[in-house]
Amino acid sequence: VTDEVLTNFFGTVNKLFRYGQVQIDVCQFDIQVNEIVPIQRAQREIKVKGRGGTSFQCIIDRVTESKTDYDGLIILTDGQAPPPVLPKNFHTPILWACHNRQSYDQNKAWMRESGRCCHL
C-alpha cells in the first residue's frame, strides 16, 4: 500500500474523532505486529513501520490473545496475502478496506467470509 493510500486512509480515520469520544488502536503489521499505538484524537502524522510481505493471521492472533475487547477491526489492505483462519472464539467484527476497486474485486469473495469489505 502506497504512502498516498495510507495518508487518505488515516484522513478517514481522523474523521471518526468528530463524532465524540473515541479511542482507536492503530496496529501496524506486515508478517508480524510491528506496533500498536492508541490514539484519542486526530493525528497529523503516523510514522509507518514495516512494509513488505503481509500476513493477516498475526493481527487476528493478536486480537484473539488480547485482553482488550475490541469493537471491531478495520484492515486497510491490497488483499495480497492468504486469508486468515479465524478461531471459533473470534467474535470481533472485521471491515476489510481495500485500497482500490481492483483489489476489492479480486478479494471480496474471501473477505466476505470473515466480515464486510469495501474499497476506498
PDB file of N, CA and C in Angstrom:
ATOM      1  N   VAL A   1       0.854  -1.166   0.000  1.00  0.00           N
ATOM      2  CA  VAL A   1       0.000   0.000   0.000  1.00  0.00           C
ATOM      3  C   VAL A   1       0.903   1.233   0.000  1.00  0.00           C
ATOM      4  N   THR A   2       0.618   2.183  -0.848  1.00  0.00           N
ATOM      5  CA  THR A   2       1.464   3.362  -1.003  1.00  0.00           C
ATOM      6  C   THR A   2       1.265   4.355   0.144  1.00  0.00           C
ATOM      7  N   ASP A   3       2.214   5.281   0.269  1.00  0.00           N
ATOM      8  CA  ASP A   3       2.104   6.342   1.269  1.00  0.00           C
ATOM      9  C   ASP A   3       0.850   7.187   1.034  1.00  0.00           C
ATOM     10  N   GLU A   4       0.520   7.437  -0.226  1.00  0.00           N
ATOM     11  CA  GLU A   4      -0.662   8.226  -0.549  1.00  0.00           C
ATOM     12  C   GLU A   4      -1.938   7.533  -0.068  1.00  0.00           C
ATOM     13  N   VAL A   5      -2.032   6.224  -0.259  1.00  0.00           N
ATOM     14  CA  VAL A   5      -3.195   5.465   0.201  1.00  0.00           C
ATOM     15  C   VAL A   5      -3.274   5.513   1.727  1.00  0.00           C
ATOM     16  N   LEU A   6      -2.127   5.350   2.398  1.00  0.00           N
ATOM     17  CA  LEU A   6      -2.115   5.418   3.857  1.00  0.00           C
ATOM     18  C   LEU A   6      -2.566   6.792   4.357  1.00  0.00           C
ATOM     19  N   THR A   7      -2.103   7.847   3.700  1.00  0.00           N
ATOM     20  CA  THR A   7      -2.495   9.205   4.075  1.00  0.00           C
ATOM     21  C   THR A   7      -4.004   9.378   3.947  1.00  0.00           C
ATOM     22  N   ASN A   8      -4.570   8.920   2.857  1.00  0.00           N
ATOM     23  CA  ASN A   8      -6.018   9.012   2.655  1.00  0.00           C
ATOM     24  C   ASN A   8      -6.779   8.196   3.703  1.00  0.00           C
ATOM     25  N   PHE A   9      -6.274   6.998   3.998  1.00  0.00           N
ATOM     26  CA  PHE A   9      -6.922   6.136   4.974  1.00  0.00           C
ATOM     27  C   PHE A   9      -6.908   6.786   6.356  1.00  0.00           C
ATOM     28  N   PHE A  10      -5.753   7.299   6.782  1.00  0.00           N
ATOM     29  CA  PHE A  10      -5.677   7.930   8.097  1.00  0.00           C
ATOM     30  C   PHE A  10      -6.495   9.215   8.142  1.00  0.00           C
ATOM     31  N   GLY A  11      -6.645   9.890   7.020  1.00  0.00           N
ATOM     32  CA  GLY A  11      -7.544  11.037   6.959  1.00  0.00           C
ATOM     33  C   GLY A  11      -8.974  10.627   7.269  1.00  0.00           C
ATOM     34  N   THR A  12      -9.381   9.496   6.744  1.00  0.00           N
ATOM     35  CA  THR A  12     -10.711   8.960   7.021  1.00  0.00           C
ATOM     36  C   THR A  12     -10.838   8.564   8.489  1.00  0.00           C
ATOM     37  N   VAL A  13      -9.830   7.898   9.026  1.00  0.00           N
ATOM     38  CA  VAL A  13      -9.838   7.510  10.438  1.00  0.00           C
ATOM     39  C   VAL A  13      -9.934   8.748  11.318  1.00  0.00           C
ATOM     40  N   ASN A  14      -9.197   9.793  10.992  1.00  0.00           N
ATOM     41  CA  ASN A  14      -9.227  11.025  11.780  1.00  0.00           C
ATOM     42  C   ASN A  14     -10.632  11.629  11.856  1.00  0.00           C
ATOM     43  N   LYS A  15     -11.433  11.437  10.819  1.00  0.00           N
ATOM     44  CA  LYS A  15     -12.791  11.979  10.810  1.00  0.00           C
ATOM     45  C   LYS A  15     -13.668  11.319  11.874  1.00  0.00           C
ATOM     46  N   LEU A  16     -13.318  10.118  12.331  1.00  0.00           N
ATOM     47  CA  LEU A  16     -14.096   9.439  13.364  1.00  0.00           C
ATOM     48  C   LEU A  16     -14.106  10.229  14.668  1.00  0.00           C
ATOM     49  N   PHE A  17     -13.081  11.022  14.906  1.00  0.00           N
ATOM     50  CA  PHE A  17     -12.996  11.780  16.149  1.00  0.00           C
ATOM     51  C   PHE A  17     -13.980  12.941  16.181  1.00  0.00           C
ATOM     52  N   ARG A  18     -14.575  13.287  15.077  1.00  0.00           N
ATOM     53  CA  ARG A  18     -15.589  14.346  15.034  1.00  0.00           C
ATOM     54  C   ARG A  18     -16.891  13.909  15.703  1.00  0.00           C
ATOM     55  N   TYR A  19     -17.080  12.608  15.871  1.00  0.00           N
ATOM     56  CA  TYR A  19     -18.359  12.083  16.329  1.00  0.00           C
ATOM     57  C   TYR A  19     -18.370  11.714  17.812  1.00  0.00           C
ATOM     58  N   GLY A  20     -17.465  12.272  18.602  1.00  0.00           N
ATOM     59  CA  GLY A  20     -17.482  12.030  20.038  1.00  0.00           C
ATOM     60  C   GLY A  20     -16.199  11.394  20.533  1.00  0.00           C
ATOM     61  N   GLN A  21     -16.268  10.946  21.776  1.00  0.00           N
ATOM     62  CA  GLN A  21     -15.104  10.351  22.436  1.00  0.00           C
ATOM     63  C   GLN A  21     -14.813   8.981  21.833  1.00  0.00           C
ATOM     64  N   VAL A  22     -13.662   8.865  21.226  1.00  0.00           N
ATOM     65  CA  VAL A  22     -13.278   7.641  20.545  1.00  0.00           C
ATOM     66  C   VAL A  22     -11.833   7.319  20.908  1.00  0.00           C
ATOM     67  N   GLN A  23     -11.527   6.063  21.046  1.00  0.00           N
ATOM     68  CA  GLN A  23     -10.126   5.637  21.113  1.00  0.00           C
ATOM     69  C   GLN A  23      -9.940   4.575  20.056  1.00  0.00           C
ATOM     70  N   ILE A  24      -8.904   4.749  19.289  1.00  0.00           N
ATOM     71  CA  ILE A  24      -8.586   3.808  18.220  1.00  0.00           C
ATOM     72  C   ILE A  24      -7.171   3.302  18.449  1.00  0.00           C
ATOM     73  N   ASP A  25      -6.998   2.002  18.414  1.00  0.00           N
ATOM     74  CA  ASP A  25      -5.661   1.427  18.452  1.00  0.00           C
ATOM     75  C   ASP A  25      -5.221   1.213  17.014  1.00  0.00           C
ATOM     76  N   VAL A  26      -4.188   1.932  16.604  1.00  0.00           N
ATOM     77  CA  VAL A  26      -3.636   1.769  15.263  1.00  0.00           C
ATOM     78  C   VAL A  26      -2.568   0.688  15.352  1.00  0.00           C
ATOM     79  N   CYS A  27      -2.789  -0.375  14.625  1.00  0.00           N
ATOM     80  CA  CYS A  27      -1.862  -1.507  14.634  1.00  0.00           C
ATOM     81  C   CYS A  27      -1.212  -1.606  13.262  1.00  0.00           C
ATOM     82  N   GLN A  28       0.088  -1.490  13.255  1.00  0.00           N
ATOM     83  CA  GLN A  28       0.821  -1.655  12.004  1.00  0.00           C
ATOM     84  C   GLN A  28       1.422  -3.058  11.993  1.00  0.00           C
ATOM     85  N   PHE A  29       1.183  -3.748  10.899  1.00  0.00           N
ATOM     86  CA  PHE A  29       1.697  -5.114  10.784  1.00  0.00           C
ATOM     87  C   PHE A  29       2.049  -5.409   9.344  1.00  0.00           C
ATOM     88  N   ASP A  30       2.934  -6.368   9.183  1.00  0.00           N
ATOM     89  CA  ASP A  30       3.232  -6.932   7.872  1.00  0.00           C
ATOM     90  C   ASP A  30       3.141  -8.446   8.058  1.00  0.00           C
ATOM     91  N   ILE A  31       4.266  -9.112   8.303  1.00  0.00           N
ATOM     92  CA  ILE A  31       4.192 -10.537   8.642  1.00  0.00           C
ATOM     93  C   ILE A  31       4.185 -10.728  10.156  1.00  0.00           C
ATOM     94  N   GLN A  32       4.329  -9.617  10.886  1.00  0.00           N
ATOM     95  CA  GLN A  32       4.243  -9.621  12.341  1.00  0.00           C
ATOM     96  C   GLN A  32       3.653  -8.286  12.783  1.00  0.00           C
ATOM     97  N   VAL A  33       3.159  -8.244  13.994  1.00  0.00           N
ATOM     98  CA  VAL A  33       2.662  -6.983  14.532  1.00  0.00           C
ATOM     99  C   VAL A  33       3.875  -6.140  14.896  1.00  0.00           C
ATOM    100  N   ASN A  34       3.996  -4.975  14.281  1.00  0.00           N
ATOM    101  CA  ASN A  34       5.147  -4.106  14.499  1.00  0.00           C
ATOM    102  C   ASN A  34       4.925  -3.085  15.603  1.00  0.00           C
ATOM    103  N   GLU A  35       3.701  -2.585  15.714  1.00  0.00           N
ATOM    104  CA  GLU A  35       3.425  -1.558  16.707  1.00  0.00           C
ATOM    105  C   GLU A  35       1.921  -1.392  16.863  1.00  0.00           C
ATOM    106  N   ILE A  36       1.495  -1.162  18.102  1.00  0.00           N
ATOM    107  CA  ILE A  36       0.112  -0.803  18.382  1.00  0.00           C
ATOM    108  C   ILE A  36       0.154   0.504  19.165  1.00  0.00           C
ATOM    109  N   VAL A  37      -0.480   1.530  18.615  1.00  0.00           N
ATOM    110  CA  VAL A  37      -0.475   2.854  19.232  1.00  0.00           C
ATOM    111  C   VAL A  37      -1.916   3.294  19.465  1.00  0.00           C
ATOM    112  N   PRO A  38      -2.315   3.491  20.732  1.00  0.00           N
ATOM    113  CA  PRO A  38      -3.650   4.028  20.983  1.00  0.00           C
ATOM    114  C   PRO A  38      -3.671   5.519  20.678  1.00  0.00           C
ATOM    115  N   ILE A  39      -4.701   5.956  19.965  1.00  0.00           N
ATOM    116  CA  ILE A  39      -4.853   7.388  19.701  1.00  0.00           C
ATOM    117  C   ILE A  39      -6.254   7.806  20.144  1.00  0.00           C
ATOM    118  N   GLN A  40      -6.349   9.030  20.688  1.00  0.00           N
ATOM    119  CA  GLN A  40      -7.628   9.524  21.184  1.00  0.00           C
ATOM    120  C   GLN A  40      -8.026  10.841  20.540  1.00  0.00           C
ATOM    121  N   ARG A  41      -7.223  11.289  19.609  1.00  0.00           N
ATOM    122  CA  ARG A  41      -7.555  12.496  18.856  1.00  0.00           C
ATOM    123  C   ARG A  41      -6.915  12.384  17.478  1.00  0.00           C
ATOM    124  N   ALA A  42      -7.372  13.212  16.572  1.00  0.00           N
ATOM    125  CA  ALA A  42      -6.848  13.184  15.202  1.00  0.00           C
ATOM    126  C   ALA A  42      -5.332  13.396  15.216  1.00  0.00           C
ATOM    127  N   GLN A  43      -4.648  12.698  14.345  1.00  0.00           N
ATOM    128  CA  GLN A  43      -3.186  12.757  14.252  1.00  0.00           C
ATOM    129  C   GLN A  43      -2.776  13.423  12.955  1.00  0.00           C
ATOM    130  N   ARG A  44      -1.779  14.289  13.042  1.00  0.00           N
ATOM    131  CA  ARG A  44      -1.253  14.911  11.823  1.00  0.00           C
ATOM    132  C   ARG A  44      -0.339  13.954  11.073  1.00  0.00           C
ATOM    133  N   GLU A  45       0.409  13.159  11.810  1.00  0.00           N
ATOM    134  CA  GLU A  45       1.353  12.224  11.179  1.00  0.00           C
ATOM    135  C   GLU A  45       1.300  10.879  11.869  1.00  0.00           C
ATOM    136  N   ILE A  46       1.439   9.859  11.086  1.00  0.00           N
ATOM    137  CA  ILE A  46       1.611   8.497  11.580  1.00  0.00           C
ATOM    138  C   ILE A  46       2.874   7.972  10.912  1.00  0.00           C
ATOM    139  N   LYS A  47       3.838   7.566  11.715  1.00  0.00           N
ATOM    140  CA  LYS A  47       5.065   7.013  11.145  1.00  0.00           C
ATOM    141  C   LYS A  47       4.810   5.544  10.783  1.00  0.00           C
ATOM    142  N   VAL A  48       5.043   5.233   9.528  1.00  0.00           N
ATOM    143  CA  VAL A  48       4.787   3.875   9.035  1.00  0.00           C
ATOM    144  C   VAL A  48       5.964   2.978   9.385  1.00  0.00           C
ATOM    145  N   LYS A  49       5.622   1.822   9.959  1.00  0.00           N
ATOM    146  CA  LYS A  49       6.642   0.823  10.300  1.00  0.00           C
ATOM    147  C   LYS A  49       6.325  -0.457   9.548  1.00  0.00           C
ATOM    148  N   GLY A  50       7.365  -1.148   9.162  1.00  0.00           N
ATOM    149  CA  GLY A  50       7.177  -2.398   8.436  1.00  0.00           C
ATOM    150  C   GLY A  50       7.170  -2.152   6.945  1.00  0.00           C
ATOM    151  N   ARG A  51       6.453  -2.892   6.246  1.00  0.00           N
ATOM    152  CA  ARG A  51       6.303  -2.950   4.799  1.00  0.00           C
ATOM    153  C   ARG A  51       6.931  -4.260   4.337  1.00  0.00           C
ATOM    154  N   GLY A  52       6.438  -4.726   3.270  1.00  0.00           N
ATOM    155  CA  GLY A  52       6.944  -5.989   2.762  1.00  0.00           C
ATOM    156  C   GLY A  52       5.798  -6.975   2.672  1.00  0.00           C
ATOM    157  N   GLY A  53       6.086  -8.221   2.969  1.00  0.00           N
ATOM    158  CA  GLY A  53       5.075  -9.264   2.920  1.00  0.00           C
ATOM    159  C   GLY A  53       3.980  -9.005   3.938  1.00  0.00           C
ATOM    160  N   THR A  54       2.846  -9.657   3.751  1.00  0.00           N
ATOM    161  CA  THR A  54       1.720  -9.451   4.653  1.00  0.00           C
ATOM    162  C   THR A  54       1.163 -10.780   5.121  1.00  0.00           C
ATOM    163  N   SER A  55       0.838 -10.834   6.396  1.00  0.00           N
ATOM    164  CA  SER A  55       0.101 -11.953   6.972  1.00  0.00           C
ATOM    165  C   SER A  55      -1.001 -11.386   7.842  1.00  0.00           C
ATOM    166  N   PHE A  56      -2.245 -11.626   7.469  1.00  0.00           N
ATOM    167  CA  PHE A  56      -3.365 -11.187   8.285  1.00  0.00           C
ATOM    168  C   PHE A  56      -3.473 -12.018   9.555  1.00  0.00           C
ATOM    169  N   GLN A  57      -2.879 -13.195   9.540  1.00  0.00           N
ATOM    170  CA  GLN A  57      -3.001 -14.082  10.695  1.00  0.00           C
ATOM    171  C   GLN A  57      -2.410 -13.458  11.952  1.00  0.00           C
ATOM    172  N   CYS A  58      -1.336 -12.674  11.812  1.00  0.00           N
ATOM    173  CA  CYS A  58      -0.700 -12.099  13.006  1.00  0.00           C
ATOM    174  C   CYS A  58      -1.631 -11.136  13.729  1.00  0.00           C
ATOM    175  N   ILE A  59      -2.423 -10.358  13.013  1.00  0.00           N
ATOM    176  CA  ILE A  59      -3.333  -9.432  13.685  1.00  0.00           C
ATOM    177  C   ILE A  59      -4.550 -10.167  14.252  1.00  0.00           C
ATOM    178  N   ILE A  60      -5.015 -11.178  13.564  1.00  0.00           N
ATOM    179  CA  ILE A  60      -6.117 -11.995  14.093  1.00  0.00           C
ATOM    180  C   ILE A  60      -5.678 -12.674  15.384  1.00  0.00           C
ATOM    181  N   ASP A  61      -4.475 -13.238  15.393  1.00  0.00           N
ATOM    182  CA  ASP A  61      -3.960 -13.899  16.595  1.00  0.00           C
ATOM    183  C   ASP A  61      -3.795 -12.902  17.736  1.00  0.00           C
ATOM    184  N   ARG A  62      -3.301 -11.691  17.431  1.00  0.00           N
ATOM    185  CA  ARG A  62      -3.098 -10.683  18.471  1.00  0.00           C
ATOM    186  C   ARG A  62      -4.428 -10.275  19.106  1.00  0.00           C
ATOM    187  N   VAL A  63      -5.446 -10.077  18.293  1.00  0.00           N
ATOM    188  CA  VAL A  63      -6.761  -9.698  18.820  1.00  0.00           C
ATOM    189  C   VAL A  63      -7.352 -10.849  19.636  1.00  0.00           C
ATOM    190  N   THR A  64      -7.182 -12.063  19.175  1.00  0.00           N
ATOM    191  CA  THR A  64      -7.692 -13.233  19.885  1.00  0.00           C
ATOM    192  C   THR A  64      -7.041 -13.361  21.263  1.00  0.00           C
ATOM    193  N   GLU A  65      -5.739 -13.113  21.335  1.00  0.00           N
ATOM    194  CA  GLU A  65      -4.985 -13.267  22.585  1.00  0.00           C
ATOM    195  C   GLU A  65      -5.097 -12.040  23.491  1.00  0.00           C
ATOM    196  N   SER A  66      -5.583 -10.928  22.963  1.00  0.00           N
ATOM    197  CA  SER A  66      -5.634  -9.669  23.697  1.00  0.00           C
ATOM    198  C   SER A  66      -6.673  -9.702  24.808  1.00  0.00           C
ATOM    199  N   LYS A  67      -6.382  -8.992  25.866  1.00  0.00           N
ATOM    200  CA  LYS A  67      -7.356  -8.818  26.938  1.00  0.00           C
ATOM    201  C   LYS A  67      -8.296  -7.646  26.634  1.00  0.00           C
ATOM    202  N   THR A  68      -8.003  -6.906  25.571  1.00  0.00           N
ATOM    203  CA  THR A  68      -8.850  -5.794  25.158  1.00  0.00           C
ATOM    204  C   THR A  68     -10.033  -6.329  24.360  1.00  0.00           C
ATOM    205  N   ASP A  69     -11.209  -5.831  24.676  1.00  0.00           N
ATOM    206  CA  ASP A  69     -12.412  -6.234  23.957  1.00  0.00           C
ATOM    207  C   ASP A  69     -12.665  -5.209  22.850  1.00  0.00           C
ATOM    208  N   TYR A  70     -12.150  -5.465  21.673  1.00  0.00           N
ATOM    209  CA  TYR A  70     -12.271  -4.523  20.565  1.00  0.00           C
ATOM    210  C   TYR A  70     -13.677  -4.529  19.980  1.00  0.00           C
ATOM    211  N   ASP A  71     -14.152  -3.329  19.622  1.00  0.00           N
ATOM    212  CA  ASP A  71     -15.454  -3.209  18.957  1.00  0.00           C
ATOM    213  C   ASP A  71     -15.391  -3.698  17.521  1.00  0.00           C
ATOM    214  N   GLY A  72     -14.199  -3.658  16.918  1.00  0.00           N
ATOM    215  CA  GLY A  72     -14.040  -4.100  15.548  1.00  0.00           C
ATOM    216  C   GLY A  72     -12.643  -3.835  15.038  1.00  0.00           C
ATOM    217  N   LEU A  73     -12.363  -4.398  13.886  1.00  0.00           N
ATOM    218  CA  LEU A  73     -11.096  -4.191  13.185  1.00  0.00           C
ATOM    219  C   LEU A  73     -11.392  -3.575  11.833  1.00  0.00           C
ATOM    220  N   ILE A  74     -10.597  -2.592  11.457  1.00  0.00           N
ATOM    221  CA  ILE A  74     -10.623  -2.073  10.092  1.00  0.00           C
ATOM    222  C   ILE A  74      -9.243  -2.365   9.530  1.00  0.00           C
ATOM    223  N   ILE A  75      -9.181  -3.200   8.538  1.00  0.00           N
ATOM    224  CA  ILE A  75      -7.899  -3.610   7.973  1.00  0.00           C
ATOM    225  C   ILE A  75      -7.762  -3.013   6.580  1.00  0.00           C
ATOM    226  N   LEU A  76      -6.837  -2.058   6.461  1.00  0.00           N
ATOM    227  CA  LEU A  76      -6.523  -1.460   5.159  1.00  0.00           C
ATOM    228  C   LEU A  76      -5.562  -2.399   4.443  1.00  0.00           C
ATOM    229  N   THR A  77      -5.896  -2.756   3.211  1.00  0.00           N
ATOM    230  CA  THR A  77      -5.097  -3.768   2.531  1.00  0.00           C
ATOM    231  C   THR A  77      -5.197  -3.676   1.015  1.00  0.00           C
ATOM    232  N   ASP A  78      -4.206  -4.280   0.367  1.00  0.00           N
ATOM    233  CA  ASP A  78      -4.308  -4.506  -1.067  1.00  0.00           C
ATOM    234  C   ASP A  78      -4.816  -5.927  -1.323  1.00  0.00           C
ATOM    235  N   GLY A  79      -5.002  -6.694  -0.236  1.00  0.00           N
ATOM    236  CA  GLY A  79      -5.557  -8.040  -0.339  1.00  0.00           C
ATOM    237  C   GLY A  79      -4.559  -9.105  -0.747  1.00  0.00           C
ATOM    238  N   GLN A  80      -3.304  -8.738  -0.889  1.00  0.00           N
ATOM    239  CA  GLN A  80      -2.305  -9.673  -1.405  1.00  0.00           C
ATOM    240  C   GLN A  80      -1.656 -10.484  -0.288  1.00  0.00           C
ATOM    241  N   ALA A  81      -2.455 -11.317   0.346  1.00  0.00           N
ATOM    242  CA  ALA A  81      -1.988 -12.229   1.387  1.00  0.00           C
ATOM    243  C   ALA A  81      -3.034 -13.327   1.536  1.00  0.00           C
ATOM    244  N   PRO A  82      -2.630 -14.466   2.074  1.00  0.00           N
ATOM    245  CA  PRO A  82      -3.613 -15.531   2.285  1.00  0.00           C
ATOM    246  C   PRO A  82      -4.679 -15.103   3.292  1.00  0.00           C
ATOM    247  N   PRO A  83      -5.906 -15.555   3.094  1.00  0.00           N
ATOM    248  CA  PRO A  83      -6.953 -15.252   4.075  1.00  0.00           C
ATOM    249  C   PRO A  83      -6.569 -15.813   5.443  1.00  0.00           C
ATOM    250  N   PRO A  84      -6.909 -15.105   6.515  1.00  0.00           N
ATOM    251  CA  PRO A  84      -6.595 -15.630   7.845  1.00  0.00           C
ATOM    252  C   PRO A  84      -7.578 -16.725   8.249  1.00  0.00           C
ATOM    253  N   VAL A  85      -7.149 -17.527   9.199  1.00  0.00           N
ATOM    254  CA  VAL A  85      -8.023 -18.533   9.788  1.00  0.00           C
ATOM    255  C   VAL A  85      -8.524 -17.956  11.101  1.00  0.00           C
ATOM    256  N   LEU A  86      -9.836 -17.757  11.200  1.00  0.00           N
ATOM    257  CA  LEU A  86     -10.417 -17.208  12.423  1.00  0.00           C
ATOM    258  C   LEU A  86     -10.742 -18.332  13.384  1.00  0.00           C
ATOM    259  N   PRO A  87     -10.260 -18.209  14.627  1.00  0.00           N
ATOM    260  CA  PRO A  87     -10.597 -19.244  15.607  1.00  0.00           C
ATOM    261  C   PRO A  87     -12.085 -19.203  15.935  1.00  0.00           C
ATOM    262  N   LYS A  88     -12.606 -20.296  16.474  1.00  0.00           N
ATOM    263  CA  LYS A  88     -14.044 -20.371  16.776  1.00  0.00           C
ATOM    264  C   LYS A  88     -14.470 -19.323  17.794  1.00  0.00           C
ATOM    265  N   ASN A  89     -13.556 -18.903  18.668  1.00  0.00           N
ATOM    266  CA  ASN A  89     -13.915 -17.922  19.692  1.00  0.00           C
ATOM    267  C   ASN A  89     -13.677 -16.481  19.239  1.00  0.00           C
ATOM    268  N   PHE A  90     -13.476 -16.252  17.956  1.00  0.00           N
ATOM    269  CA  PHE A  90     -13.232 -14.910  17.424  1.00  0.00           C
ATOM    270  C   PHE A  90     -14.567 -14.269  17.073  1.00  0.00           C
ATOM    271  N   HIS A  91     -14.895 -13.171  17.778  1.00  0.00           N
ATOM    272  CA  HIS A  91     -16.189 -12.521  17.570  1.00  0.00           C
ATOM    273  C   HIS A  91     -16.060 -11.048  17.211  1.00  0.00           C
ATOM    274  N   THR A  92     -14.857 -10.580  16.958  1.00  0.00           N
ATOM    275  CA  THR A  92     -14.629  -9.169  16.631  1.00  0.00           C
ATOM    276  C   THR A  92     -14.995  -8.930  15.171  1.00  0.00           C
ATOM    277  N   PRO A  93     -15.904  -8.007  14.906  1.00  0.00           N
ATOM    278  CA  PRO A  93     -16.268  -7.709  13.514  1.00  0.00           C
ATOM    279  C   PRO A  93     -15.062  -7.155  12.737  1.00  0.00           C
ATOM    280  N   ILE A  94     -14.962  -7.520  11.474  1.00  0.00           N
ATOM    281  CA  ILE A  94     -13.870  -7.063  10.620  1.00  0.00           C
ATOM    282  C   ILE A  94     -14.448  -6.310   9.429  1.00  0.00           C
ATOM    283  N   LEU A  95     -13.830  -5.156   9.139  1.00  0.00           N
ATOM    284  CA  LEU A  95     -14.094  -4.438   7.900  1.00  0.00           C
ATOM    285  C   LEU A  95     -12.795  -4.445   7.110  1.00  0.00           C
ATOM    286  N   TRP A  96     -12.818  -5.081   5.964  1.00  0.00           N
ATOM    287  CA  TRP A  96     -11.670  -5.097   5.056  1.00  0.00           C
ATOM    288  C   TRP A  96     -11.792  -3.886   4.140  1.00  0.00           C
ATOM    289  N   ALA A  97     -10.858  -2.949   4.252  1.00  0.00           N
ATOM    290  CA  ALA A  97     -10.870  -1.733   3.432  1.00  0.00           C
ATOM    291  C   ALA A  97      -9.798  -1.874   2.358  1.00  0.00           C
ATOM    292  N   CYS A  98     -10.229  -2.243   1.172  1.00  0.00           N
ATOM    293  CA  CYS A  98      -9.289  -2.432   0.060  1.00  0.00           C
ATOM    294  C   CYS A  98      -8.891  -1.068  -0.502  1.00  0.00           C
ATOM    295  N   HIS A  99      -7.640  -0.948  -0.881  1.00  0.00           N
ATOM    296  CA  HIS A  99      -7.119   0.358  -1.289  1.00  0.00           C
ATOM    297  C   HIS A  99      -7.615   0.813  -2.657  1.00  0.00           C
ATOM    298  N   ASN A 100      -8.200  -0.090  -3.439  1.00  0.00           N
ATOM    299  CA  ASN A 100      -8.789   0.328  -4.718  1.00  0.00           C
ATOM    300  C   ASN A 100      -9.839  -0.700  -5.160  1.00  0.00           C
ATOM    301  N   ARG A 101     -10.535  -0.358  -6.204  1.00  0.00           N
ATOM    302  CA  ARG A 101     -11.617  -1.218  -6.705  1.00  0.00           C
ATOM    303  C   ARG A 101     -11.083  -2.557  -7.215  1.00  0.00           C
ATOM    304  N   GLN A 102      -9.930  -2.541  -7.836  1.00  0.00           N
ATOM    305  CA  GLN A 102      -9.360  -3.778  -8.372  1.00  0.00           C
ATOM    306  C   GLN A 102      -9.066  -4.783  -7.255  1.00  0.00           C
ATOM    307  N   SER A 103      -8.439  -4.335  -6.169  1.00  0.00           N
ATOM    308  CA  SER A 103      -8.150  -5.272  -5.072  1.00  0.00           C
ATOM    309  C   SER A 103      -9.447  -5.745  -4.411  1.00  0.00           C
ATOM    310  N   TYR A 104     -10.435  -4.865  -4.349  1.00  0.00           N
ATOM    311  CA  TYR A 104     -11.743  -5.257  -3.821  1.00  0.00           C
ATOM    312  C   TYR A 104     -12.361  -6.363  -4.685  1.00  0.00           C
ATOM    313  N   ASP A 105     -12.394  -6.161  -5.998  1.00  0.00           N
ATOM    314  CA  ASP A 105     -12.977  -7.153  -6.896  1.00  0.00           C
ATOM    315  C   ASP A 105     -12.251  -8.491  -6.817  1.00  0.00           C
ATOM    316  N   GLN A 106     -10.934  -8.461  -6.664  1.00  0.00           N
ATOM    317  CA  GLN A 106     -10.149  -9.695  -6.612  1.00  0.00           C
ATOM    318  C   GLN A 106     -10.313 -10.451  -5.297  1.00  0.00           C
ATOM    319  N   ASN A 107     -10.634  -9.760  -4.207  1.00  0.00           N
ATOM    320  CA  ASN A 107     -10.598 -10.388  -2.889  1.00  0.00           C
ATOM    321  C   ASN A 107     -11.910 -10.412  -2.127  1.00  0.00           C
ATOM    322  N   LYS A 108     -12.940  -9.780  -2.651  1.00  0.00           N
ATOM    323  CA  LYS A 108     -14.183  -9.641  -1.894  1.00  0.00           C
ATOM    324  C   LYS A 108     -14.812 -10.983  -1.507  1.00  0.00           C
ATOM    325  N   ALA A 109     -14.648 -12.004  -2.310  1.00  0.00           N
ATOM    326  CA  ALA A 109     -15.279 -13.294  -2.002  1.00  0.00           C
ATOM    327  C   ALA A 109     -14.761 -13.858  -0.681  1.00  0.00           C
ATOM    328  N   TRP A 110     -13.439 -13.942  -0.520  1.00  0.00           N
ATOM    329  CA  TRP A 110     -12.926 -14.494   0.736  1.00  0.00           C
ATOM    330  C   TRP A 110     -13.072 -13.518   1.892  1.00  0.00           C
ATOM    331  N   MET A 111     -13.021 -12.224   1.621  1.00  0.00           N
ATOM    332  CA  MET A 111     -13.171 -11.231   2.694  1.00  0.00           C
ATOM    333  C   MET A 111     -14.573 -11.282   3.283  1.00  0.00           C
ATOM    334  N   ARG A 112     -15.570 -11.491   2.462  1.00  0.00           N
ATOM    335  CA  ARG A 112     -16.954 -11.558   2.936  1.00  0.00           C
ATOM    336  C   ARG A 112     -17.202 -12.773   3.824  1.00  0.00           C
ATOM    337  N   GLU A 113     -16.339 -13.771   3.741  1.00  0.00           N
ATOM    338  CA  GLU A 113     -16.481 -14.938   4.611  1.00  0.00           C
ATOM    339  C   GLU A 113     -16.140 -14.619   6.058  1.00  0.00           C
ATOM    340  N   SER A 114     -15.347 -13.559   6.274  1.00  0.00           N
ATOM    341  CA  SER A 114     -14.928 -13.223   7.643  1.00  0.00           C
ATOM    342  C   SER A 114     -15.392 -11.844   8.099  1.00  0.00           C
ATOM    343  N   GLY A 115     -16.056 -11.108   7.227  1.00  0.00           N
ATOM    344  CA  GLY A 115     -16.509  -9.778   7.631  1.00  0.00           C
ATOM    345  C   GLY A 115     -17.113  -9.036   6.456  1.00  0.00           C
ATOM    346  N   ARG A 116     -17.078  -7.737   6.548  1.00  0.00           N
ATOM    347  CA  ARG A 116     -17.559  -6.886   5.464  1.00  0.00           C
ATOM    348  C   ARG A 116     -16.366  -6.335   4.717  1.00  0.00           C
ATOM    349  N   CYS A 117     -16.589  -5.838   3.505  1.00  0.00           N
ATOM    350  CA  CYS A 117     -15.472  -5.274   2.749  1.00  0.00           C
ATOM    351  C   CYS A 117     -15.960  -4.092   1.915  1.00  0.00           C
ATOM    352  N   CYS A 118     -15.019  -3.211   1.642  1.00  0.00           N
ATOM    353  CA  CYS A 118     -15.299  -2.039   0.837  1.00  0.00           C
ATOM    354  C   CYS A 118     -14.004  -1.635   0.139  1.00  0.00           C
ATOM    355  N   HIS A 119     -14.075  -0.643  -0.718  1.00  0.00           N
ATOM    356  CA  HIS A 119     -12.862  -0.109  -1.322  1.00  0.00           C
ATOM    357  C   HIS A 119     -12.850   1.392  -1.134  1.00  0.00           C
ATOM    358  N   LEU A 120     -11.660   1.963  -1.146  1.00  0.00           N
ATOM    359  CA  LEU A 120     -11.509   3.409  -0.955  1.00  0.00           C
ATOM    360  C   LEU A 120     -11.576   4.126  -2.267  1.00  0.00           C
TER     361      LEU A 120
END
